[in-house]
Amino acid sequence: MVDTNINTLFFATAMGKINVNGKDVMVLSVQSPLGVALNGKAKGDVVDFNGRQVEILEVN
């Protein structure tokens, strides 16, 4: 589970957006473009993705 400044992500088999305990979570594949961009990154890292700055706030 990865919390970013944009949304919460979970990497598994891609399922799209789901709701968990009232919180929207995007379920993506690690092979998705965003999964590839975030691979190997840690809390506090920022990546440029589609012209947006995505900051990793928490990794669970």
N, C-alpha and C. Protein backbone atom coordinates (compact mmCIF):
# COMPACT_ATOMS: atom_id res chain seq x y z
N MET A 1 0.85 -1.16 0.00
CA MET A 1 0.00 0.00 0.00
C MET A 1 0.90 1.22 0.00
N VAL A 2 0.66 2.14 -0.90
CA VAL A 2 1.47 3.34 -1.03
C VAL A 2 0.53 4.55 -1.02
N ASP A 3 0.73 5.42 -0.04
CA ASP A 3 -0.02 6.68 0.00
C ASP A 3 0.81 7.74 -0.69
N THR A 4 0.18 8.45 -1.64
CA THR A 4 0.86 9.55 -2.33
C THR A 4 0.05 10.82 -2.13
N ASN A 5 0.61 11.93 -2.57
CA ASN A 5 -0.12 13.18 -2.49
C ASN A 5 -1.31 13.21 -3.44
N ILE A 6 -1.40 12.24 -4.34
CA ILE A 6 -2.49 12.19 -5.31
C ILE A 6 -3.57 11.18 -4.92
N ASN A 7 -3.15 9.98 -4.49
CA ASN A 7 -4.10 8.94 -4.10
C ASN A 7 -3.39 7.82 -3.36
N THR A 8 -4.18 6.83 -2.96
CA THR A 8 -3.64 5.64 -2.30
C THR A 8 -3.59 4.53 -3.33
N LEU A 9 -2.45 3.83 -3.36
CA LEU A 9 -2.24 2.78 -4.35
C LEU A 9 -1.96 1.46 -3.66
N PHE A 10 -2.40 0.38 -4.29
CA PHE A 10 -2.06 -0.97 -3.85
C PHE A 10 -1.62 -1.71 -5.09
N PHE A 11 -0.47 -2.37 -5.01
CA PHE A 11 0.06 -3.07 -6.18
C PHE A 11 -0.21 -4.56 -6.07
N ALA A 12 -0.95 -5.06 -7.05
CA ALA A 12 -1.34 -6.47 -7.14
C ALA A 12 -1.77 -6.67 -8.60
N THR A 13 -2.68 -7.59 -8.83
CA THR A 13 -3.28 -7.71 -10.15
C THR A 13 -4.18 -6.50 -10.35
N ALA A 14 -4.03 -5.81 -11.46
CA ALA A 14 -4.78 -4.58 -11.70
C ALA A 14 -6.28 -4.81 -11.60
N MET A 15 -6.94 -3.97 -10.79
CA MET A 15 -8.39 -4.05 -10.60
C MET A 15 -9.05 -2.68 -10.73
N GLY A 16 -8.27 -1.62 -10.81
CA GLY A 16 -8.85 -0.28 -10.85
C GLY A 16 -9.15 0.21 -9.45
N LYS A 17 -10.12 1.12 -9.34
CA LYS A 17 -10.43 1.73 -8.05
C LYS A 17 -11.39 0.85 -7.25
N ILE A 18 -11.05 0.63 -5.97
CA ILE A 18 -11.93 -0.06 -5.04
C ILE A 18 -12.08 0.81 -3.80
N ASN A 19 -13.05 0.48 -2.97
CA ASN A 19 -13.26 1.23 -1.73
C ASN A 19 -12.99 0.29 -0.57
N VAL A 20 -12.09 0.70 0.32
CA VAL A 20 -11.73 -0.09 1.49
C VAL A 20 -11.97 0.76 2.72
N ASN A 21 -12.91 0.33 3.54
CA ASN A 21 -13.24 1.07 4.77
C ASN A 21 -13.48 2.54 4.51
N GLY A 22 -14.21 2.85 3.44
CA GLY A 22 -14.55 4.22 3.12
C GLY A 22 -13.47 5.01 2.41
N LYS A 23 -12.36 4.37 2.06
CA LYS A 23 -11.25 5.06 1.39
C LYS A 23 -11.06 4.48 0.00
N ASP A 24 -11.01 5.35 -1.01
CA ASP A 24 -10.75 4.88 -2.38
C ASP A 24 -9.30 4.49 -2.53
N VAL A 25 -9.07 3.32 -3.12
CA VAL A 25 -7.73 2.79 -3.34
C VAL A 25 -7.64 2.33 -4.79
N MET A 26 -6.58 2.76 -5.49
CA MET A 26 -6.35 2.29 -6.85
C MET A 26 -5.49 1.04 -6.78
N VAL A 27 -5.99 -0.07 -7.35
CA VAL A 27 -5.25 -1.32 -7.38
C VAL A 27 -4.61 -1.43 -8.76
N LEU A 28 -3.28 -1.36 -8.78
CA LEU A 28 -2.52 -1.35 -10.02
C LEU A 28 -1.52 -2.49 -10.07
N SER A 29 -1.12 -2.83 -11.26
CA SER A 29 -0.04 -3.80 -11.46
C SER A 29 1.30 -3.08 -11.31
N VAL A 30 2.30 -3.79 -10.80
CA VAL A 30 3.65 -3.20 -10.72
C VAL A 30 4.20 -2.94 -12.13
N GLN A 31 3.59 -3.57 -13.13
CA GLN A 31 4.01 -3.38 -14.51
C GLN A 31 3.29 -2.22 -15.19
N SER A 32 2.35 -1.59 -14.47
CA SER A 32 1.67 -0.41 -15.01
C SER A 32 2.67 0.74 -15.10
N PRO A 33 2.40 1.74 -15.92
CA PRO A 33 3.33 2.87 -16.02
C PRO A 33 3.62 3.53 -14.66
N LEU A 34 2.61 3.71 -13.82
CA LEU A 34 2.86 4.30 -12.50
C LEU A 34 3.62 3.34 -11.60
N GLY A 35 3.33 2.05 -11.70
CA GLY A 35 4.08 1.05 -10.94
C GLY A 35 5.55 1.05 -11.30
N VAL A 36 5.84 1.16 -12.57
CA VAL A 36 7.23 1.22 -13.03
C VAL A 36 7.90 2.49 -12.52
N ALA A 37 7.19 3.62 -12.58
CA ALA A 37 7.77 4.89 -12.12
C ALA A 37 8.08 4.87 -10.63
N LEU A 38 7.26 4.17 -9.85
CA LEU A 38 7.44 4.15 -8.39
C LEU A 38 8.34 3.02 -7.91
N ASN A 39 8.67 2.08 -8.78
CA ASN A 39 9.49 0.93 -8.38
C ASN A 39 10.81 1.38 -7.77
N GLY A 40 11.11 0.88 -6.58
CA GLY A 40 12.36 1.18 -5.91
C GLY A 40 12.37 2.50 -5.16
N LYS A 41 11.27 3.23 -5.18
CA LYS A 41 11.20 4.51 -4.48
C LYS A 41 10.77 4.30 -3.04
N ALA A 42 10.98 5.31 -2.20
CA ALA A 42 10.68 5.21 -0.77
C ALA A 42 9.95 6.47 -0.30
N LYS A 43 9.51 6.44 0.93
CA LYS A 43 8.82 7.57 1.55
C LYS A 43 9.66 8.84 1.35
N GLY A 44 9.00 9.89 0.89
CA GLY A 44 9.68 11.16 0.67
C GLY A 44 10.16 11.37 -0.75
N ASP A 45 10.27 10.28 -1.53
CA ASP A 45 10.70 10.41 -2.92
C ASP A 45 9.58 11.05 -3.75
N VAL A 46 9.97 11.76 -4.79
CA VAL A 46 9.03 12.41 -5.71
C VAL A 46 9.38 11.96 -7.12
N VAL A 47 8.37 11.55 -7.89
CA VAL A 47 8.58 11.19 -9.29
C VAL A 47 7.67 12.06 -10.15
N ASP A 48 8.13 12.36 -11.35
CA ASP A 48 7.33 13.09 -12.32
C ASP A 48 6.58 12.06 -13.14
N PHE A 49 5.25 12.10 -13.10
CA PHE A 49 4.44 11.13 -13.83
C PHE A 49 3.36 11.87 -14.59
N ASN A 50 3.40 11.78 -15.89
CA ASN A 50 2.43 12.47 -16.76
C ASN A 50 2.30 13.95 -16.43
N GLY A 51 3.43 14.59 -16.16
CA GLY A 51 3.42 16.02 -15.88
C GLY A 51 3.01 16.40 -14.48
N ARG A 52 2.80 15.41 -13.61
CA ARG A 52 2.42 15.67 -12.21
C ARG A 52 3.51 15.18 -11.29
N GLN A 53 3.74 15.90 -10.22
CA GLN A 53 4.70 15.49 -9.20
C GLN A 53 3.98 14.57 -8.23
N VAL A 54 4.42 13.33 -8.13
CA VAL A 54 3.82 12.34 -7.23
C VAL A 54 4.81 12.12 -6.10
N GLU A 55 4.41 12.51 -4.89
CA GLU A 55 5.26 12.34 -3.71
C GLU A 55 4.77 11.15 -2.90
N ILE A 56 5.68 10.28 -2.51
CA ILE A 56 5.34 9.14 -1.67
C ILE A 56 5.29 9.61 -0.22
N LEU A 57 4.10 9.52 0.36
CA LEU A 57 3.90 9.96 1.74
C LEU A 57 4.10 8.84 2.75
N GLU A 58 3.74 7.63 2.36
CA GLU A 58 3.83 6.48 3.27
C GLU A 58 3.85 5.20 2.47
N VAL A 59 4.62 4.23 2.93
CA VAL A 59 4.64 2.91 2.32
C VAL A 59 4.32 1.92 3.42
N ASN A 60 3.27 1.14 3.23
CA ASN A 60 2.85 0.15 4.23
C ASN A 60 2.99 -1.24 3.68
